[in-house]
Amino acid sequence: MPGHPWSLDLVVSRLSGDEELARQMVILFIAECPRMLAAIHDALAAGSPDAVRRAAHAFKGSVGNFTDDTPTLTARSLEYAAADGRLDEAAALVDRLEREVDDLLRAMAEFA
């Protein structure tokens, strides 16, 4: 993975310099991330491409607040694969997304 998985400066700049709001958003993301990933897994287990697409889209929007790097790009690829009904490809992308998100969460925990 190129570079650091997230940037505090990026988040703070997107929030007009509000570091406290950035901290609150990080804490909320850390808390909600397992639920969002579970929704993706549940949709995949149900074999519902549309539910996978919607869950991946929501996750992409959430993680995109913190990084424009690999987790966001992988969530986008997952969304597109599901939209095309390619659930076999989606399963591999979920595995990759979880590894990337683990790295992101570790980095965020230091800030939070």
Protein backbone atom coordinates (compact mmCIF):
# COMPACT_ATOMS: atom_id res chain seq x y z
CA MET A 1 0.00 0.00 0.00
CA PRO A 2 1.57 3.29 -1.02
CA GLY A 3 2.06 5.87 1.71
CA HIS A 4 0.16 6.18 4.94
CA PRO A 5 -3.44 4.92 4.79
CA TRP A 6 -4.92 8.17 6.02
CA SER A 7 -4.02 11.76 6.68
CA LEU A 8 -5.14 13.84 9.63
CA ASP A 9 -4.30 16.95 7.61
CA LEU A 10 -6.67 15.82 4.85
CA VAL A 11 -9.54 15.31 7.29
CA VAL A 12 -8.95 18.57 9.15
CA SER A 13 -8.67 20.53 5.89
CA ARG A 14 -11.96 19.05 4.69
CA LEU A 15 -13.50 20.29 7.94
CA SER A 16 -12.20 23.86 7.66
CA GLY A 17 -9.53 23.25 10.27
CA ASP A 18 -11.83 21.80 12.95
CA GLU A 19 -9.56 19.24 14.62
CA GLU A 20 -12.09 18.41 17.36
CA LEU A 21 -14.74 17.54 14.76
CA ALA A 22 -12.13 15.42 12.95
CA ARG A 23 -11.43 13.58 16.22
CA GLN A 24 -15.17 12.96 16.75
CA MET A 25 -15.53 11.65 13.19
CA VAL A 26 -12.59 9.30 13.68
CA ILE A 27 -14.06 7.95 16.92
CA LEU A 28 -17.44 7.45 15.23
CA PHE A 29 -15.86 5.69 12.24
CA ILE A 30 -13.89 3.37 14.52
CA ALA A 31 -17.12 2.48 16.34
CA GLU A 32 -19.27 2.07 13.21
CA CYS A 33 -16.77 0.34 10.94
CA PRO A 34 -17.47 -3.21 12.23
CA ARG A 35 -21.22 -2.73 11.68
CA MET A 36 -20.68 -1.44 8.15
CA LEU A 37 -18.37 -4.34 7.28
CA ALA A 38 -20.88 -6.79 8.78
CA ALA A 39 -23.57 -5.33 6.50
CA ILE A 40 -21.35 -6.03 3.49
CA HIS A 41 -20.71 -9.59 4.69
CA ASP A 42 -24.41 -10.20 5.36
CA ALA A 43 -25.36 -8.95 1.90
CA LEU A 44 -22.68 -11.12 0.31
CA ALA A 45 -23.81 -14.18 2.31
CA ALA A 46 -27.39 -13.52 1.19
CA GLY A 47 -26.20 -13.47 -2.42
CA SER A 48 -27.73 -10.06 -3.03
CA PRO A 49 -25.69 -7.99 -5.48
CA ASP A 50 -27.85 -4.92 -4.90
CA ALA A 51 -27.47 -5.12 -1.11
CA VAL A 52 -23.70 -5.57 -1.50
CA ARG A 53 -23.60 -2.57 -3.83
CA ARG A 54 -25.56 -0.39 -1.41
CA ALA A 55 -23.48 -1.44 1.60
CA ALA A 56 -20.23 -0.90 -0.31
CA HIS A 57 -21.43 2.51 -1.49
CA ALA A 58 -22.23 3.56 2.09
CA PHE A 59 -18.85 2.29 3.28
CA LYS A 60 -17.05 4.09 0.45
CA GLY A 61 -18.69 7.35 1.47
CA SER A 62 -17.76 6.89 5.10
CA VAL A 63 -14.15 5.84 4.59
CA GLY A 64 -13.76 8.52 1.91
CA ASN A 65 -13.94 11.14 4.65
CA PHE A 66 -10.53 9.97 5.80
CA THR A 67 -8.59 8.81 2.78
CA ASP A 68 -8.60 8.92 -0.99
CA ASP A 69 -6.28 5.91 -0.96
CA THR A 70 -6.71 2.15 -1.07
CA PRO A 71 -9.72 1.52 1.22
CA THR A 72 -11.79 4.02 -0.72
CA LEU A 73 -10.66 2.63 -4.07
CA THR A 74 -11.31 -0.95 -2.96
CA ALA A 75 -14.79 -0.05 -1.69
CA ARG A 76 -15.48 1.56 -5.08
CA SER A 77 -14.29 -1.58 -6.89
CA LEU A 78 -16.52 -3.67 -4.61
CA GLU A 79 -19.48 -1.42 -5.37
CA TYR A 80 -18.91 -1.76 -9.13
CA ALA A 81 -18.37 -5.52 -8.99
CA ALA A 82 -21.64 -5.94 -7.08
CA ALA A 83 -23.47 -3.62 -9.48
CA ASP A 84 -22.35 -5.92 -12.30
CA GLY A 85 -23.43 -9.01 -10.33
CA ARG A 86 -19.87 -10.31 -9.95
CA LEU A 87 -20.22 -11.64 -6.40
CA ASP A 88 -17.27 -14.02 -6.74
CA GLU A 89 -15.04 -11.00 -7.40
CA ALA A 90 -16.83 -9.09 -4.65
CA ALA A 91 -15.87 -11.73 -2.07
CA ALA A 92 -12.17 -11.28 -2.84
CA LEU A 93 -12.55 -7.50 -2.68
CA VAL A 94 -14.19 -7.74 0.76
CA ASP A 95 -11.16 -9.67 2.03
CA ARG A 96 -8.83 -7.03 0.61
CA LEU A 97 -10.98 -4.21 2.02
CA GLU A 98 -10.83 -5.72 5.51
CA ARG A 99 -7.03 -5.89 5.43
CA GLU A 100 -6.82 -2.27 4.28
CA VAL A 101 -9.32 -1.13 6.89
CA ASP A 102 -7.40 -2.92 9.65
CA ASP A 103 -4.37 -0.83 8.72
CA LEU A 104 -6.49 2.32 8.65
CA LEU A 105 -8.09 1.61 12.03
CA ARG A 106 -4.71 1.01 13.66
CA ALA A 107 -3.47 4.36 12.37
CA MET A 108 -6.66 6.11 13.44
CA ALA A 109 -6.55 4.63 16.95
CA GLU A 110 -3.31 6.52 17.55
CA PHE A 111 -5.09 9.79 16.78
CA ALA A 112 -8.34 9.04 18.61
